[in-house]
Amino acid sequence: MNPLRLLVAAAVALGLAACGNKTTPDFAAGTPDSAGLTLETTGGSGDGLIASAPSGGASALSVNGSIDALTCQSYELTCNIRRSIAGVNLFIRGALEPVEALIVLGPVSEPSDDVRVYGPTPLPQGNPVANFRLSVKFMGNDTFRWKLEAQALMPPDAPFLVVMAGQLQRGDVPHRGRGFIGIDVDQLNAVNPTAFPGQGKLLAAFAHVGLQKALVYAAKQFQVAGMAAPVTAVFTGWKNSLGQARVRLAAINDFVAANGTAPANELLLSRIGYWPLLGGRTAVAVLGGNVPDYSVADFDVKAFVGLECFGTGIGVTYRAMFVCGTNTVQSVDECHPDATFNGSANAVGIDPLDPNDGPAAGACAAGTELYDASGLPTNPDSTAQEPDAPATPDAPPSAMPSF
């Protein structure tokens, strides 16, 4: 054989070897898990991050489990925002449970080299609420897209509906990276209204650095069990490797009940920050509803602002409420202390010598400052990440992602 033919044969052999050693994408690791998509303060059961999903599996969309044990009075700001965080997390956990279960069971079919299909399988096993099917597509560049479809258990020929879809560009940890996701509560409800009560959509973007996470959720007429009314607003949050965390939420509820007027839901914009070994702070702005009914002849009330500080055990060390003449509050310096609130048994850690009803010495731990010029939440549509986030996600999708 002449030298040219030897070179050609060697090249062909190397090419065949390369084809034979082609790396198969890790489809399972390219899907999301609930740990990477849940909001956190201290973590653990207080944030609804329990070791296993509540009984009923995907029906964890209802507010149950550890949340029921967290009973809050309306004026307990930190308690209420943590209860709301736990509710969001249990919903996310319930929605993602079928994805995690199907991944464990493994793919059922391989329509092509770049697609894997898991299921359909009735889930949760032993007490199914629907049949679920997961499709995962490798897009190249460590990027995967997926869709979760659900089918009613009866009739047997019921259609499969897309209930969740998204994309993840893998980072250096399985199920972590950068991407987006959409959860369609309307479609879940159409599949099984008993197991999946609620309406609307929850759309999100995420960015991970190792196990650190930053999240932004856009709720679109979103309502599940335990929520007083549908919400269209943005939630954000992050947690870093030191255990520090920030969360911003929006909710609709009857927080302020003026005497002699009918109940009216207010918009509650809440922000919480947590620092391990120190504790944290909470701020809540209350807008709309019955708030204007508290106006007097020389002062139009347009917002209430509540502030709390808490210790490492989440026990409240300072609580105060303020009435404000603007609904775009940047600092409580623009507001007036609510003497009725501060003078009640609900007041905590108030300095009686402070004309502004500031916190008593030591009531708020140094290093946990939250109430600077950007410390009071005022915009329910802001997708800006909370300060000091370990990463910055893209904006969440405006509609359900396509596969």
Protein backbone atom coordinates (compact mmCIF):
# COMPACT_ATOMS: atom_id res chain seq x y z
CA MET A 1 0.00 0.00 0.00
CA ASN A 2 1.40 3.38 -0.94
CA PRO A 3 1.88 6.12 1.67
CA LEU A 4 -1.13 8.14 0.45
CA ARG A 5 -3.47 5.19 0.90
CA LEU A 6 -2.02 4.60 4.37
CA LEU A 7 -2.81 8.19 5.36
CA VAL A 8 -6.37 7.92 4.02
CA ALA A 9 -6.95 4.64 5.86
CA ALA A 10 -5.63 6.12 9.11
CA ALA A 11 -7.88 9.16 8.76
CA VAL A 12 -10.95 6.96 8.16
CA ALA A 13 -10.06 4.81 11.18
CA LEU A 14 -9.70 7.86 13.41
CA GLY A 15 -13.01 9.25 12.17
CA LEU A 16 -14.81 5.99 12.90
CA ALA A 17 -13.24 5.86 16.36
CA ALA A 18 -14.38 9.40 17.05
CA CYS A 19 -17.93 8.52 16.02
CA GLY A 20 -17.85 5.47 18.25
CA ASN A 21 -16.73 7.53 21.24
CA LYS A 22 -19.37 10.24 20.81
CA THR A 23 -20.50 11.42 24.25
CA THR A 24 -24.20 10.94 24.96
CA PRO A 25 -25.77 14.06 26.51
CA ASP A 26 -26.82 13.72 30.14
CA PHE A 27 -30.53 14.28 29.55
CA ALA A 28 -31.49 13.69 33.18
CA ALA A 29 -29.05 16.31 34.52
CA GLY A 30 -30.39 18.82 31.98
CA THR A 31 -33.79 18.97 33.69
CA PRO A 32 -34.73 21.19 36.65
CA ASP A 33 -35.34 20.11 40.21
CA SER A 34 -37.29 21.82 42.96
CA ALA A 35 -34.21 22.57 45.09
CA GLY A 36 -32.87 24.87 42.37
CA LEU A 37 -36.17 26.68 41.83
CA THR A 38 -37.45 27.30 45.35
CA LEU A 39 -37.25 30.61 47.20
CA GLU A 40 -35.51 30.53 50.58
CA THR A 41 -34.94 32.49 53.75
CA THR A 42 -33.55 30.21 56.44
CA GLY A 43 -34.26 27.03 54.45
CA GLY A 44 -35.75 23.84 55.87
CA SER A 45 -39.37 23.15 56.75
CA GLY A 46 -40.01 26.81 57.61
CA ASP A 47 -39.68 27.58 53.90
CA GLY A 48 -41.71 24.52 52.88
CA LEU A 49 -38.51 22.67 51.94
CA ILE A 50 -39.40 19.32 53.42
CA ALA A 51 -37.54 16.05 52.98
CA SER A 52 -40.30 14.47 50.89
CA ALA A 53 -43.32 15.75 49.01
CA PRO A 54 -46.58 15.96 50.99
CA SER A 55 -48.98 13.03 50.71
CA GLY A 56 -50.94 13.33 47.50
CA GLY A 57 -47.82 14.08 45.50
CA ALA A 58 -48.54 16.64 42.84
CA SER A 59 -51.67 17.69 44.73
CA ALA A 60 -49.25 19.59 46.97
CA LEU A 61 -50.44 22.59 44.99
CA SER A 62 -52.71 23.21 47.97
CA VAL A 63 -51.35 24.95 51.04
CA ASN A 64 -50.74 22.16 53.54
CA GLY A 65 -48.06 20.33 55.46
CA SER A 66 -45.66 22.55 57.36
CA ILE A 67 -47.52 25.70 56.33
CA ASP A 68 -50.58 24.81 58.39
CA ALA A 69 -48.39 24.77 61.49
CA LEU A 70 -47.30 28.36 60.76
CA THR A 71 -50.22 30.41 62.11
CA CYS A 72 -49.77 34.15 61.68
CA GLN A 73 -51.66 37.19 62.88
CA SER A 74 -52.16 39.86 60.21
CA TYR A 75 -49.67 42.20 61.89
CA GLU A 76 -46.93 39.52 62.07
CA LEU A 77 -45.06 40.57 58.95
CA THR A 78 -42.16 38.08 58.98
CA CYS A 79 -44.45 35.19 59.82
CA ASN A 80 -46.77 36.04 56.92
CA ILE A 81 -44.07 36.45 54.30
CA ARG A 82 -42.45 33.17 55.35
CA ARG A 83 -45.85 31.48 55.14
CA SER A 84 -46.27 32.86 51.62
CA ILE A 85 -42.78 31.67 50.64
CA ALA A 86 -43.61 28.20 51.93
CA GLY A 87 -46.83 28.23 49.89
CA VAL A 88 -45.00 29.14 46.68
CA ASN A 89 -42.39 26.47 47.38
CA LEU A 90 -44.95 23.72 47.99
CA PHE A 91 -46.60 24.63 44.71
CA ILE A 92 -43.28 24.45 42.86
CA ARG A 93 -42.43 21.19 44.61
CA GLY A 94 -45.77 19.69 43.61
CA ALA A 95 -45.47 20.86 40.00
CA LEU A 96 -41.92 19.51 39.60
CA GLU A 97 -42.50 16.23 41.42
CA PRO A 98 -43.58 14.39 38.22
CA VAL A 99 -40.40 15.54 36.42
CA GLU A 100 -38.18 14.26 39.23
CA ALA A 101 -40.10 10.96 39.42
CA LEU A 102 -39.95 10.32 35.66
CA ILE A 103 -36.21 11.04 35.56
CA VAL A 104 -35.64 8.40 38.25
CA LEU A 105 -37.67 5.84 36.26
CA GLY A 106 -35.55 6.47 33.16
CA PRO A 107 -36.42 7.08 29.50
CA VAL A 108 -39.00 4.89 27.78
CA SER A 109 -38.15 5.81 24.19
CA GLU A 110 -35.51 7.56 22.08
CA PRO A 111 -37.22 9.09 19.04
CA SER A 112 -33.83 10.46 17.90
CA ASP A 113 -30.26 10.89 19.14
CA ASP A 114 -31.15 14.24 20.69
CA VAL A 115 -34.53 13.43 22.28
CA ARG A 116 -35.52 11.24 25.22
CA VAL A 117 -39.10 10.53 26.33
CA TYR A 118 -39.96 9.48 29.87
CA GLY A 119 -43.36 7.89 30.48
CA PRO A 120 -46.27 8.16 30.14
CA THR A 121 -46.64 7.01 33.74
CA PRO A 122 -49.46 7.46 36.27
CA LEU A 123 -48.11 9.57 39.17
CA PRO A 124 -47.68 9.68 42.06
CA GLN A 125 -47.22 5.94 42.19
CA GLY A 126 -49.90 4.24 44.25
CA ASN A 127 -52.20 7.27 44.24
CA PRO A 128 -52.08 8.77 40.74
CA VAL A 129 -53.72 12.06 39.89
CA ALA A 130 -52.80 12.03 36.18
CA ASN A 131 -50.62 10.36 33.58
CA PHE A 132 -47.40 12.30 32.97
CA ARG A 133 -44.99 12.30 30.04
CA LEU A 134 -41.68 14.17 29.93
CA SER A 135 -39.78 14.96 26.72
CA VAL A 136 -36.19 16.26 26.86
CA LYS A 137 -34.35 17.62 23.81
CA PHE A 138 -30.61 18.31 23.57
CA MET A 139 -30.07 21.62 21.78
CA GLY A 140 -26.25 21.59 21.78
CA ASN A 141 -23.86 23.70 23.88
CA ASP A 142 -24.94 21.89 27.08
CA THR A 143 -28.46 23.25 26.57
CA PHE A 144 -31.63 21.20 27.03
CA ARG A 145 -35.29 21.93 26.50
CA TRP A 146 -38.09 19.96 28.09
CA LYS A 147 -41.85 19.76 28.28
CA LEU A 148 -44.07 17.98 30.77
CA GLU A 149 -47.44 16.80 29.51
CA ALA A 150 -50.33 15.55 31.66
CA GLN A 151 -53.33 13.42 30.75
CA ALA A 152 -56.52 12.90 32.75
CA LEU A 153 -56.84 9.34 34.10
CA MET A 154 -60.25 9.05 32.42
CA PRO A 155 -61.29 8.70 29.69
CA PRO A 156 -58.41 6.57 28.37
CA ASP A 157 -58.14 8.65 25.20
CA ALA A 158 -58.01 12.02 26.99
CA PRO A 159 -55.54 14.41 25.34
CA PHE A 160 -52.09 15.13 26.74
CA LEU A 161 -51.79 18.82 27.66
CA VAL A 162 -48.51 20.71 28.10
CA VAL A 163 -48.44 21.75 31.77
CA MET A 164 -44.79 22.79 32.07
CA ALA A 165 -41.95 23.64 29.69
CA GLY A 166 -38.57 25.29 29.84
CA GLN A 167 -34.87 25.34 29.04
CA LEU A 168 -31.67 24.84 31.00
CA GLN A 169 -28.09 25.49 29.93
CA ARG A 170 -26.08 23.22 32.21
CA GLY A 171 -23.67 24.67 34.71
CA ASP A 172 -21.15 22.66 36.68
CA VAL A 173 -23.79 20.92 38.84
CA PRO A 174 -26.60 18.63 37.59
CA HIS A 175 -29.99 20.35 37.34
CA ARG A 176 -28.31 23.73 37.74
CA GLY A 177 -27.35 26.40 35.24
CA ARG A 178 -29.20 29.14 33.48
CA GLY A 179 -32.60 29.11 31.87
CA PHE A 180 -36.35 29.56 32.16
CA ILE A 181 -39.51 27.66 32.97
CA GLY A 182 -43.27 28.04 32.68
CA ILE A 183 -45.95 26.28 34.75
CA ASP A 184 -49.49 26.35 33.34
CA VAL A 185 -51.99 26.04 36.19
CA ASP A 186 -54.93 26.38 33.80
CA GLN A 187 -53.84 23.22 31.97
CA LEU A 188 -53.15 21.36 35.23
CA ASN A 189 -56.62 22.30 36.41
CA ALA A 190 -58.12 21.06 33.12
CA VAL A 191 -56.45 17.68 33.66
CA ASN A 192 -57.58 17.23 37.29
CA PRO A 193 -59.36 20.16 38.99
CA THR A 194 -59.44 18.35 42.35
CA ALA A 195 -55.70 17.65 42.49
CA PHE A 196 -54.75 20.92 40.79
CA PRO A 197 -56.99 23.74 42.07
CA GLY A 198 -56.13 27.17 40.78
CA GLN A 199 -55.60 29.23 37.67
CA GLY A 200 -53.09 31.27 35.72
CA LYS A 201 -49.43 30.77 34.92
CA LEU A 202 -46.16 31.02 36.79
CA LEU A 203 -43.23 31.95 34.53
CA ALA A 204 -39.66 32.08 35.78
CA ALA A 205 -36.02 32.65 34.90
CA PHE A 206 -33.12 31.35 36.97
CA ALA A 207 -29.35 31.54 37.22
CA HIS A 208 -27.16 29.29 39.35
CA VAL A 209 -23.51 29.55 40.35
CA GLY A 210 -22.77 26.11 41.74
CA LEU A 211 -25.49 25.62 44.34
CA GLN A 212 -26.06 29.37 44.72
CA LYS A 213 -29.26 30.55 43.06
CA ALA A 214 -31.06 33.64 41.87
CA LEU A 215 -34.70 33.44 40.73
CA VAL A 216 -37.33 35.72 39.24
CA TYR A 217 -40.96 34.59 38.92
CA ALA A 218 -43.68 36.38 36.95
CA ALA A 219 -47.16 35.42 38.12
CA LYS A 220 -49.92 35.89 35.53
CA GLN A 221 -53.40 35.83 37.13
CA PHE A 222 -51.87 33.15 39.35
CA GLN A 223 -53.93 31.67 42.16
CA VAL A 224 -53.72 28.34 43.99
CA ALA A 225 -55.30 27.10 47.21
CA GLY A 226 -54.51 29.35 50.15
CA MET A 227 -54.31 32.57 48.08
CA ALA A 228 -57.04 35.17 48.63
CA ALA A 229 -57.11 36.39 45.01
CA PRO A 230 -55.31 35.98 41.67
CA VAL A 231 -51.97 37.81 41.48
CA THR A 232 -50.22 39.37 38.52
CA ALA A 233 -46.85 40.41 39.89
CA VAL A 234 -43.17 39.50 40.08
CA PHE A 235 -41.40 37.54 42.84
CA THR A 236 -37.63 37.43 43.17
CA GLY A 237 -35.13 35.81 45.48
CA TRP A 238 -31.60 34.54 45.92
CA LYS A 239 -29.48 32.50 48.30
CA ASN A 240 -25.68 32.37 48.36
CA SER A 241 -23.08 29.90 49.64
CA LEU A 242 -22.93 31.67 53.02
CA GLY A 243 -26.62 31.05 53.63
CA GLN A 244 -27.55 34.70 53.15
CA ALA A 245 -30.87 35.13 51.38
CA ARG A 246 -33.26 37.78 50.08
CA VAL A 247 -36.84 37.39 48.82
CA ARG A 248 -39.38 39.86 47.44
CA LEU A 249 -43.05 38.84 47.11
CA ALA A 250 -46.41 40.33 46.18
CA ALA A 251 -49.82 39.21 47.45
CA ILE A 252 -53.47 40.27 47.46
CA ASN A 253 -55.21 40.14 50.84
CA ASP A 254 -57.42 42.07 53.26
CA PHE A 255 -54.67 43.39 55.53
CA VAL A 256 -56.32 46.67 56.54
CA ALA A 257 -59.96 46.58 57.66
CA ALA A 258 -61.18 50.13 58.23
CA ASN A 259 -64.03 50.59 60.69
CA GLY A 260 -67.43 50.96 59.06
CA THR A 261 -66.28 49.92 55.57
CA ALA A 262 -66.61 46.68 53.67
CA PRO A 263 -63.55 44.43 53.39
CA ALA A 264 -61.33 45.27 50.44
CA ASN A 265 -58.20 43.47 49.35
CA GLU A 266 -54.92 45.39 49.45
CA LEU A 267 -51.73 44.83 47.47
CA LEU A 268 -48.99 43.71 49.85
CA LEU A 269 -45.41 44.08 48.61
CA SER A 270 -43.02 42.30 50.96
CA ARG A 271 -39.26 42.06 51.26
CA ILE A 272 -37.22 39.91 53.65
CA GLY A 273 -33.49 39.52 54.20
CA TYR A 274 -31.76 36.81 56.25
CA TRP A 275 -28.18 36.70 57.52
CA PRO A 276 -27.04 33.52 59.34
CA LEU A 277 -25.81 34.10 62.92
CA LEU A 278 -27.44 37.55 62.87
CA GLY A 279 -31.12 37.25 61.93
CA GLY A 280 -32.80 39.56 59.49
CA ARG A 281 -35.35 42.21 58.61
CA THR A 282 -38.72 42.41 56.87
CA ALA A 283 -40.48 45.31 55.14
CA VAL A 284 -44.07 45.33 53.86
CA ALA A 285 -45.81 48.06 51.86
CA VAL A 286 -49.64 47.94 51.92
CA LEU A 287 -51.33 49.71 49.01
CA GLY A 288 -54.91 50.18 47.76
CA GLY A 289 -57.97 48.51 49.25
CA ASN A 290 -59.11 50.24 52.45
CA VAL A 291 -55.87 52.18 52.94
CA PRO A 292 -57.35 55.56 51.81
CA ASP A 293 -60.18 55.17 54.34
CA TYR A 294 -57.68 56.06 57.06
CA SER A 295 -57.15 59.55 55.60
CA VAL A 296 -57.91 62.58 57.77
CA ALA A 297 -58.63 66.19 56.90
CA ASP A 298 -55.00 67.26 56.67
CA PHE A 299 -53.38 64.01 55.55
CA ASP A 300 -54.27 61.64 52.70
CA VAL A 301 -53.12 58.13 53.56
CA LYS A 302 -51.94 56.27 50.45
CA ALA A 303 -49.86 53.47 51.98
CA PHE A 304 -48.96 51.69 55.16
CA VAL A 305 -45.42 50.44 55.70
CA GLY A 306 -44.58 47.80 58.28
CA LEU A 307 -41.05 47.02 59.47
CA GLU A 308 -39.74 44.12 61.53
CA CYS A 309 -36.38 42.85 62.75
CA PHE A 310 -35.86 39.27 63.90
CA GLY A 311 -33.13 37.21 65.54
CA THR A 312 -31.46 33.96 64.48
CA GLY A 313 -34.44 32.00 65.80
CA ILE A 314 -36.82 34.23 63.75
CA GLY A 315 -38.22 35.73 66.95
CA VAL A 316 -39.30 39.33 66.27
CA THR A 317 -37.19 41.94 68.09
CA TYR A 318 -38.68 45.08 66.51
CA ARG A 319 -42.01 45.85 64.86
CA ALA A 320 -43.47 49.19 63.79
CA MET A 321 -46.10 50.47 61.36
CA PHE A 322 -46.09 53.79 59.51
CA VAL A 323 -48.72 55.71 57.53
CA CYS A 324 -47.53 57.37 54.33
CA GLY A 325 -48.85 60.07 52.03
CA THR A 326 -47.35 58.51 48.89
CA ASN A 327 -47.67 55.08 47.32
CA THR A 328 -44.08 55.14 46.04
CA VAL A 329 -42.38 55.07 49.43
CA GLN A 330 -38.58 55.00 49.37
CA SER A 331 -38.01 55.52 53.09
CA VAL A 332 -40.15 55.62 56.21
CA ASP A 333 -38.67 59.07 56.79
CA GLU A 334 -41.40 60.16 54.34
CA CYS A 335 -44.09 58.68 56.62
CA HIS A 336 -45.53 59.09 60.10
CA PRO A 337 -45.41 56.46 62.84
CA ASP A 338 -48.77 54.82 63.46
CA ALA A 339 -49.09 55.63 67.15
CA THR A 340 -52.13 53.39 67.57
CA PHE A 341 -50.21 50.42 66.21
CA ASN A 342 -47.03 51.21 68.12
CA GLY A 343 -48.91 51.75 71.35
CA SER A 344 -50.66 48.39 71.17
CA ALA A 345 -49.54 45.04 72.49
CA ASN A 346 -48.37 44.26 68.95
CA ALA A 347 -45.52 46.76 69.15
CA VAL A 348 -42.10 45.21 69.74
CA GLY A 349 -38.69 46.77 70.37
CA ILE A 350 -39.86 50.40 70.17
CA ASP A 351 -37.56 53.02 71.66
CA PRO A 352 -39.84 55.26 73.79
CA LEU A 353 -37.31 58.09 73.62
CA ASP A 354 -37.18 58.08 69.82
CA PRO A 355 -39.66 60.64 68.41
CA ASN A 356 -39.74 58.62 65.19
CA ASP A 357 -40.49 55.40 67.06
CA GLY A 358 -37.24 53.83 65.89
CA PRO A 359 -35.95 50.53 67.22
CA ALA A 360 -34.58 50.31 70.74
CA ALA A 361 -30.83 49.72 71.04
CA GLY A 362 -29.93 46.21 69.89
CA ALA A 363 -33.43 45.43 68.59
CA CYS A 364 -32.07 45.13 65.02
CA ALA A 365 -28.74 43.38 64.49
CA ALA A 366 -25.97 45.40 62.85
CA GLY A 367 -25.15 44.06 59.40
CA THR A 368 -28.77 43.29 58.52
CA GLU A 369 -29.72 46.70 57.11
CA LEU A 370 -32.67 46.43 54.73
CA TYR A 371 -34.37 49.82 54.80
CA ASP A 372 -32.05 51.93 52.69
CA ALA A 373 -33.32 53.93 49.70
CA SER A 374 -34.08 50.68 47.85
CA GLY A 375 -35.25 48.84 50.95
CA LEU A 376 -39.01 49.29 50.64
CA PRO A 377 -40.78 47.35 47.87
CA THR A 378 -43.00 49.60 45.76
CA ASN A 379 -43.18 48.09 42.25
CA PRO A 380 -45.00 44.74 41.83
CA ASP A 381 -43.77 44.42 38.23
CA SER A 382 -40.04 44.95 38.79
CA THR A 383 -37.86 42.05 37.60
CA ALA A 384 -34.76 43.59 39.18
CA GLN A 385 -32.92 41.14 41.39
CA GLU A 386 -32.51 41.82 45.09
CA PRO A 387 -29.21 43.52 46.06
CA ASP A 388 -26.03 41.38 46.34
CA ALA A 389 -27.44 38.46 44.34
CA PRO A 390 -24.81 35.85 43.35
CA ALA A 391 -26.13 35.88 39.75
CA THR A 392 -28.57 37.77 37.55
CA PRO A 393 -31.23 35.76 35.68
CA ASP A 394 -32.63 36.85 32.35
CA ALA A 395 -36.15 38.27 32.31
CA PRO A 396 -38.80 35.55 32.67
CA PRO A 397 -40.67 34.54 29.51
CA SER A 398 -43.81 36.48 28.68
CA ALA A 399 -45.75 33.32 27.81
CA MET A 400 -45.45 29.54 28.13
CA PRO A 401 -42.17 28.38 26.51
CA SER A 402 -42.26 26.14 23.43
CA PHE A 403 -40.47 22.80 23.20
